[in-house]
Amino acid sequence: GFFDNIFEDSYLYPKSEIDMHSPLVSPGLAPDELVRDALPERMVIFTCWRDTLRREGDIFRERLRRLGKTVDGYMIEGASHGWDKWPGLWWGNASRDKAYKDACDSLNESWGDANYVSTAVRK
């Protein structure tokens, strides 16, 4: 559809010149050896319930775990792509704040330094 074309043209232009089998198009296309060697040992991956990329993200998270990576994160119920970027001027965004805190807590545990996270995110 119309929006699919806009999305593809934004990321894959000119499409006729893009190697659709390249791991630069999607990390899911990268061979196991590259994924194992190039990515950190610990990561956090969140997916969104109404995101067209959710299945790809969930599969990649499980693949990373099979390759011995520690991967935290989960699917955000009811959320769509970009859910954390919408303004919550007066009402806030509790699911965004929880996911950001969970990600920071997980990375703090991995990196062992709680000082890198701003106090605004930690609330």
N, C-alpha and C. Protein backbone atom coordinates (compact mmCIF):
# COMPACT_ATOMS: atom_id res chain seq x y z
N GLY A 1 0.80 -1.18 0.00
CA GLY A 1 0.00 0.00 0.00
C GLY A 1 0.85 1.25 0.00
N PHE A 2 0.18 2.34 0.09
CA PHE A 2 0.81 3.66 0.04
C PHE A 2 1.86 3.83 1.13
N PHE A 3 1.49 3.49 2.39
CA PHE A 3 2.43 3.68 3.50
C PHE A 3 3.61 2.71 3.44
N ASP A 4 3.37 1.51 2.92
CA ASP A 4 4.47 0.57 2.73
C ASP A 4 5.52 1.14 1.77
N ASN A 5 5.05 1.76 0.70
CA ASN A 5 5.96 2.36 -0.27
C ASN A 5 6.77 3.50 0.35
N ILE A 6 6.10 4.32 1.15
CA ILE A 6 6.81 5.42 1.82
C ILE A 6 7.89 4.85 2.74
N PHE A 7 7.53 3.82 3.50
CA PHE A 7 8.49 3.21 4.42
C PHE A 7 9.68 2.65 3.65
N GLU A 8 9.41 1.86 2.63
CA GLU A 8 10.50 1.25 1.86
C GLU A 8 11.37 2.30 1.19
N ASP A 9 10.74 3.32 0.61
CA ASP A 9 11.52 4.37 -0.06
C ASP A 9 12.37 5.17 0.94
N SER A 10 11.94 5.22 2.19
CA SER A 10 12.71 5.95 3.20
C SER A 10 13.96 5.19 3.61
N TYR A 11 13.90 3.87 3.59
CA TYR A 11 15.02 3.06 4.07
C TYR A 11 15.75 2.31 2.97
N LEU A 12 15.11 2.09 1.85
CA LEU A 12 15.68 1.26 0.79
C LEU A 12 15.64 1.98 -0.55
N TYR A 13 16.36 3.10 -0.66
CA TYR A 13 16.30 3.88 -1.88
C TYR A 13 17.69 4.00 -2.49
N PRO A 14 17.80 3.85 -3.77
CA PRO A 14 16.80 3.31 -4.70
C PRO A 14 16.73 1.79 -4.55
N LYS A 15 15.54 1.29 -4.42
CA LYS A 15 15.33 -0.13 -4.12
C LYS A 15 15.98 -1.05 -5.15
N SER A 16 16.03 -0.62 -6.40
CA SER A 16 16.61 -1.45 -7.46
C SER A 16 18.11 -1.69 -7.24
N GLU A 17 18.75 -0.87 -6.41
CA GLU A 17 20.18 -1.01 -6.17
C GLU A 17 20.51 -1.64 -4.82
N ILE A 18 19.50 -2.04 -4.06
CA ILE A 18 19.71 -2.60 -2.73
C ILE A 18 19.79 -4.13 -2.80
N ASP A 19 20.81 -4.68 -2.16
CA ASP A 19 20.93 -6.13 -2.04
C ASP A 19 20.03 -6.56 -0.88
N MET A 20 18.88 -7.11 -1.20
CA MET A 20 17.89 -7.48 -0.19
C MET A 20 18.34 -8.67 0.66
N HIS A 21 19.50 -9.25 0.37
CA HIS A 21 20.03 -10.36 1.16
C HIS A 21 21.16 -9.90 2.08
N SER A 22 21.42 -8.61 2.12
CA SER A 22 22.50 -8.05 2.92
C SER A 22 22.09 -7.96 4.39
N PRO A 23 23.01 -8.29 5.32
CA PRO A 23 22.71 -8.11 6.74
C PRO A 23 22.55 -6.64 7.11
N LEU A 24 22.94 -5.73 6.21
CA LEU A 24 22.72 -4.31 6.48
C LEU A 24 21.25 -3.94 6.32
N VAL A 25 20.48 -4.76 5.60
CA VAL A 25 19.04 -4.54 5.46
C VAL A 25 18.33 -4.99 6.73
N SER A 26 18.77 -6.11 7.28
CA SER A 26 18.18 -6.63 8.52
C SER A 26 19.22 -7.50 9.22
N PRO A 27 19.41 -7.30 10.52
CA PRO A 27 20.37 -8.16 11.23
C PRO A 27 19.93 -9.62 11.24
N GLY A 28 18.66 -9.88 10.99
CA GLY A 28 18.18 -11.26 10.91
C GLY A 28 18.78 -12.01 9.75
N LEU A 29 19.33 -11.31 8.77
CA LEU A 29 19.94 -11.93 7.60
C LEU A 29 21.42 -12.27 7.81
N ALA A 30 21.99 -11.76 8.89
CA ALA A 30 23.42 -11.98 9.14
C ALA A 30 23.67 -13.43 9.55
N PRO A 31 24.82 -13.99 9.12
CA PRO A 31 25.16 -15.35 9.54
C PRO A 31 25.42 -15.39 11.05
N ASP A 32 25.22 -16.57 11.64
CA ASP A 32 25.39 -16.73 13.09
C ASP A 32 26.75 -16.23 13.58
N GLU A 33 27.81 -16.55 12.85
CA GLU A 33 29.15 -16.15 13.27
C GLU A 33 29.27 -14.63 13.40
N LEU A 34 28.72 -13.90 12.44
CA LEU A 34 28.77 -12.45 12.49
C LEU A 34 27.95 -11.91 13.66
N VAL A 35 26.77 -12.47 13.86
CA VAL A 35 25.92 -12.03 14.97
C VAL A 35 26.62 -12.31 16.30
N ARG A 36 27.18 -13.48 16.44
CA ARG A 36 27.85 -13.87 17.69
C ARG A 36 29.06 -12.96 17.97
N ASP A 37 29.85 -12.65 16.93
CA ASP A 37 31.08 -11.88 17.12
C ASP A 37 30.86 -10.37 17.17
N ALA A 38 29.88 -9.86 16.47
CA ALA A 38 29.73 -8.41 16.33
C ALA A 38 28.88 -7.76 17.41
N LEU A 39 27.99 -8.52 18.02
CA LEU A 39 27.07 -7.92 18.98
C LEU A 39 27.52 -8.16 20.41
N PRO A 40 27.14 -7.26 21.32
CA PRO A 40 27.55 -7.42 22.72
C PRO A 40 26.94 -8.67 23.35
N GLU A 41 27.51 -9.09 24.46
CA GLU A 41 27.04 -10.29 25.14
C GLU A 41 25.68 -10.09 25.79
N ARG A 42 25.36 -8.86 26.15
CA ARG A 42 24.09 -8.59 26.82
C ARG A 42 23.36 -7.46 26.09
N MET A 43 22.06 -7.68 25.83
CA MET A 43 21.25 -6.70 25.12
C MET A 43 19.85 -6.66 25.71
N VAL A 44 19.11 -5.63 25.33
CA VAL A 44 17.71 -5.50 25.69
C VAL A 44 16.94 -5.23 24.41
N ILE A 45 15.94 -6.06 24.12
CA ILE A 45 15.14 -5.87 22.91
C ILE A 45 13.66 -5.88 23.31
N PHE A 46 13.00 -4.77 23.01
CA PHE A 46 11.56 -4.67 23.21
C PHE A 46 10.89 -4.74 21.84
N THR A 47 9.77 -5.41 21.78
CA THR A 47 8.96 -5.42 20.56
C THR A 47 7.58 -4.88 20.91
N CYS A 48 6.84 -4.48 19.90
CA CYS A 48 5.53 -3.87 20.10
C CYS A 48 4.44 -4.75 19.52
N TRP A 49 3.38 -4.90 20.26
CA TRP A 49 2.28 -5.79 19.90
C TRP A 49 1.73 -5.53 18.51
N ARG A 50 1.56 -4.24 18.13
CA ARG A 50 0.97 -3.92 16.83
C ARG A 50 2.01 -3.44 15.82
N ASP A 51 3.22 -3.91 15.92
CA ASP A 51 4.29 -3.50 15.00
C ASP A 51 4.48 -4.58 13.95
N THR A 52 4.56 -4.18 12.69
CA THR A 52 4.76 -5.17 11.62
C THR A 52 6.12 -5.85 11.72
N LEU A 53 7.05 -5.27 12.47
CA LEU A 53 8.37 -5.87 12.65
C LEU A 53 8.46 -6.73 13.91
N ARG A 54 7.35 -6.87 14.63
CA ARG A 54 7.38 -7.60 15.90
C ARG A 54 7.88 -9.03 15.75
N ARG A 55 7.33 -9.76 14.83
CA ARG A 55 7.71 -11.17 14.68
C ARG A 55 9.20 -11.28 14.38
N GLU A 56 9.69 -10.43 13.49
CA GLU A 56 11.12 -10.44 13.17
C GLU A 56 11.95 -10.15 14.43
N GLY A 57 11.52 -9.19 15.23
CA GLY A 57 12.23 -8.86 16.46
C GLY A 57 12.20 -9.99 17.48
N ASP A 58 11.04 -10.63 17.63
CA ASP A 58 10.92 -11.75 18.57
C ASP A 58 11.80 -12.93 18.14
N ILE A 59 11.80 -13.21 16.85
CA ILE A 59 12.63 -14.31 16.33
C ILE A 59 14.11 -13.99 16.54
N PHE A 60 14.50 -12.75 16.28
CA PHE A 60 15.90 -12.36 16.45
C PHE A 60 16.32 -12.45 17.91
N ARG A 61 15.44 -12.02 18.84
CA ARG A 61 15.74 -12.12 20.27
C ARG A 61 16.02 -13.58 20.65
N GLU A 62 15.17 -14.49 20.18
CA GLU A 62 15.36 -15.91 20.50
C GLU A 62 16.63 -16.46 19.84
N ARG A 63 16.92 -16.01 18.64
CA ARG A 63 18.15 -16.45 17.96
C ARG A 63 19.38 -16.02 18.76
N LEU A 64 19.37 -14.79 19.23
CA LEU A 64 20.49 -14.31 20.04
C LEU A 64 20.67 -15.17 21.28
N ARG A 65 19.58 -15.52 21.91
CA ARG A 65 19.66 -16.38 23.11
C ARG A 65 20.24 -17.74 22.75
N ARG A 66 19.81 -18.31 21.62
CA ARG A 66 20.36 -19.60 21.19
C ARG A 66 21.86 -19.51 20.93
N LEU A 67 22.33 -18.34 20.53
CA LEU A 67 23.75 -18.14 20.26
C LEU A 67 24.54 -17.82 21.53
N GLY A 68 23.86 -17.87 22.68
CA GLY A 68 24.54 -17.68 23.95
C GLY A 68 24.53 -16.26 24.49
N LYS A 69 23.81 -15.35 23.82
CA LYS A 69 23.72 -13.98 24.31
C LYS A 69 22.69 -13.91 25.43
N THR A 70 22.86 -12.95 26.33
CA THR A 70 21.86 -12.67 27.35
C THR A 70 21.00 -11.54 26.80
N VAL A 71 19.73 -11.81 26.60
CA VAL A 71 18.84 -10.83 26.00
C VAL A 71 17.61 -10.65 26.89
N ASP A 72 17.50 -9.48 27.47
CA ASP A 72 16.31 -9.13 28.24
C ASP A 72 15.35 -8.40 27.32
N GLY A 73 14.17 -8.12 27.84
CA GLY A 73 13.16 -7.40 27.08
C GLY A 73 11.92 -8.23 26.92
N TYR A 74 10.92 -7.62 26.35
CA TYR A 74 9.62 -8.27 26.20
C TYR A 74 8.78 -7.52 25.18
N MET A 75 7.60 -8.06 24.89
CA MET A 75 6.67 -7.40 23.99
C MET A 75 5.81 -6.42 24.80
N ILE A 76 5.66 -5.21 24.29
CA ILE A 76 4.82 -4.20 24.92
C ILE A 76 3.39 -4.41 24.43
N GLU A 77 2.51 -4.83 25.31
CA GLU A 77 1.11 -5.08 24.94
C GLU A 77 0.44 -3.80 24.45
N GLY A 78 -0.31 -3.91 23.37
CA GLY A 78 -1.11 -2.80 22.85
C GLY A 78 -0.33 -1.70 22.17
N ALA A 79 0.99 -1.82 22.12
CA ALA A 79 1.81 -0.75 21.55
C ALA A 79 2.05 -0.97 20.07
N SER A 80 2.19 0.14 19.35
CA SER A 80 2.52 0.08 17.94
C SER A 80 3.91 0.67 17.73
N HIS A 81 4.43 0.57 16.53
CA HIS A 81 5.76 1.08 16.20
C HIS A 81 5.85 2.56 16.58
N GLY A 82 6.89 2.94 17.27
CA GLY A 82 7.08 4.33 17.67
C GLY A 82 6.27 4.72 18.90
N TRP A 83 5.72 3.74 19.61
CA TRP A 83 4.84 4.00 20.75
C TRP A 83 5.50 4.87 21.81
N ASP A 84 6.79 4.80 21.95
CA ASP A 84 7.48 5.54 23.01
C ASP A 84 7.84 6.96 22.59
N LYS A 85 7.56 7.32 21.35
CA LYS A 85 7.91 8.65 20.86
C LYS A 85 6.74 9.62 20.88
N TRP A 86 5.55 9.14 21.17
CA TRP A 86 4.38 10.01 21.18
C TRP A 86 4.40 10.86 22.44
N PRO A 87 4.07 12.14 22.33
CA PRO A 87 4.12 13.00 23.52
C PRO A 87 3.02 12.61 24.52
N GLY A 88 3.35 12.68 25.77
CA GLY A 88 2.39 12.47 26.84
C GLY A 88 2.43 13.69 27.73
N LEU A 89 2.09 14.82 27.16
CA LEU A 89 2.33 16.11 27.80
C LEU A 89 1.87 16.18 29.25
N TRP A 90 0.61 15.87 29.51
CA TRP A 90 0.09 15.98 30.86
C TRP A 90 -0.19 14.63 31.50
N TRP A 91 -0.39 13.64 30.67
CA TRP A 91 -0.81 12.34 31.21
C TRP A 91 0.34 11.35 31.31
N GLY A 92 1.49 11.69 30.77
CA GLY A 92 2.64 10.81 30.85
C GLY A 92 2.50 9.60 29.94
N ASN A 93 3.41 8.68 30.07
CA ASN A 93 3.38 7.45 29.29
C ASN A 93 3.98 6.35 30.17
N ALA A 94 3.13 5.72 30.97
CA ALA A 94 3.58 4.75 31.97
C ALA A 94 4.27 3.55 31.34
N SER A 95 3.76 3.05 30.20
CA SER A 95 4.39 1.87 29.59
C SER A 95 5.78 2.23 29.05
N ARG A 96 5.93 3.43 28.49
CA ARG A 96 7.24 3.88 28.02
C ARG A 96 8.21 4.00 29.20
N ASP A 97 7.76 4.65 30.26
CA ASP A 97 8.62 4.86 31.42
C ASP A 97 9.04 3.53 32.04
N LYS A 98 8.13 2.56 32.11
CA LYS A 98 8.45 1.24 32.66
C LYS A 98 9.47 0.53 31.77
N ALA A 99 9.25 0.55 30.44
CA ALA A 99 10.17 -0.11 29.52
C ALA A 99 11.55 0.53 29.58
N TYR A 100 11.63 1.86 29.63
CA TYR A 100 12.92 2.53 29.73
C TYR A 100 13.62 2.16 31.04
N LYS A 101 12.87 2.14 32.14
CA LYS A 101 13.46 1.77 33.43
C LYS A 101 13.95 0.32 33.39
N ASP A 102 13.14 -0.58 32.84
CA ASP A 102 13.54 -1.98 32.74
C ASP A 102 14.82 -2.13 31.92
N ALA A 103 14.90 -1.40 30.80
CA ALA A 103 16.10 -1.45 29.96
C ALA A 103 17.32 -0.93 30.72
N CYS A 104 17.15 0.20 31.40
CA CYS A 104 18.27 0.77 32.17
C CYS A 104 18.69 -0.16 33.30
N ASP A 105 17.73 -0.74 34.01
CA ASP A 105 18.06 -1.67 35.09
C ASP A 105 18.84 -2.87 34.56
N SER A 106 18.40 -3.40 33.43
CA SER A 106 19.07 -4.55 32.84
C SER A 106 20.50 -4.21 32.43
N LEU A 107 20.66 -3.08 31.78
CA LEU A 107 22.00 -2.67 31.34
C LEU A 107 22.88 -2.29 32.53
N ASN A 108 22.29 -1.67 33.55
CA ASN A 108 23.06 -1.37 34.77
C ASN A 108 23.60 -2.64 35.39
N GLU A 109 22.77 -3.67 35.44
CA GLU A 109 23.19 -4.95 35.99
C GLU A 109 24.36 -5.52 35.19
N SER A 110 24.26 -5.39 33.88
CA SER A 110 25.31 -5.91 33.01
C SER A 110 26.60 -5.10 33.12
N TRP A 111 26.46 -3.79 33.08
CA TRP A 111 27.64 -2.92 33.07
C TRP A 111 28.16 -2.63 34.47
N GLY A 112 27.31 -2.82 35.49
CA GLY A 112 27.75 -2.64 36.86
C GLY A 112 27.94 -1.20 37.29
N ASP A 113 27.36 -0.25 36.56
CA ASP A 113 27.51 1.15 36.92
C ASP A 113 26.17 1.85 36.83
N ALA A 114 25.56 2.09 37.96
CA ALA A 114 24.24 2.74 37.98
C ALA A 114 24.32 4.23 37.73
N ASN A 115 25.51 4.80 37.67
CA ASN A 115 25.64 6.25 37.53
C ASN A 115 25.39 6.77 36.12
N TYR A 116 25.37 5.90 35.12
CA TYR A 116 25.22 6.41 33.74
C TYR A 116 23.77 6.74 33.41
N VAL A 117 22.82 6.27 34.20
CA VAL A 117 21.41 6.50 33.91
C VAL A 117 20.97 7.77 34.62
N SER A 118 20.31 8.65 33.89
CA SER A 118 19.87 9.90 34.50
C SER A 118 18.79 9.61 35.54
N THR A 119 18.70 10.46 36.52
CA THR A 119 17.70 10.26 37.57
C THR A 119 16.30 10.43 37.01
N ALA A 120 16.12 11.18 35.95
CA ALA A 120 14.80 11.35 35.34
C ALA A 120 14.27 10.04 34.79
N VAL A 121 15.15 9.22 34.24
CA VAL A 121 14.72 7.93 33.67
C VAL A 121 14.46 6.93 34.77
N ARG A 122 15.16 7.01 35.88
CA ARG A 122 15.06 6.02 36.94
C ARG A 122 13.81 6.11 37.79
N LYS A 123 13.06 7.15 37.73
CA LYS A 123 11.88 7.32 38.60
C LYS A 123 10.98 6.12 38.58
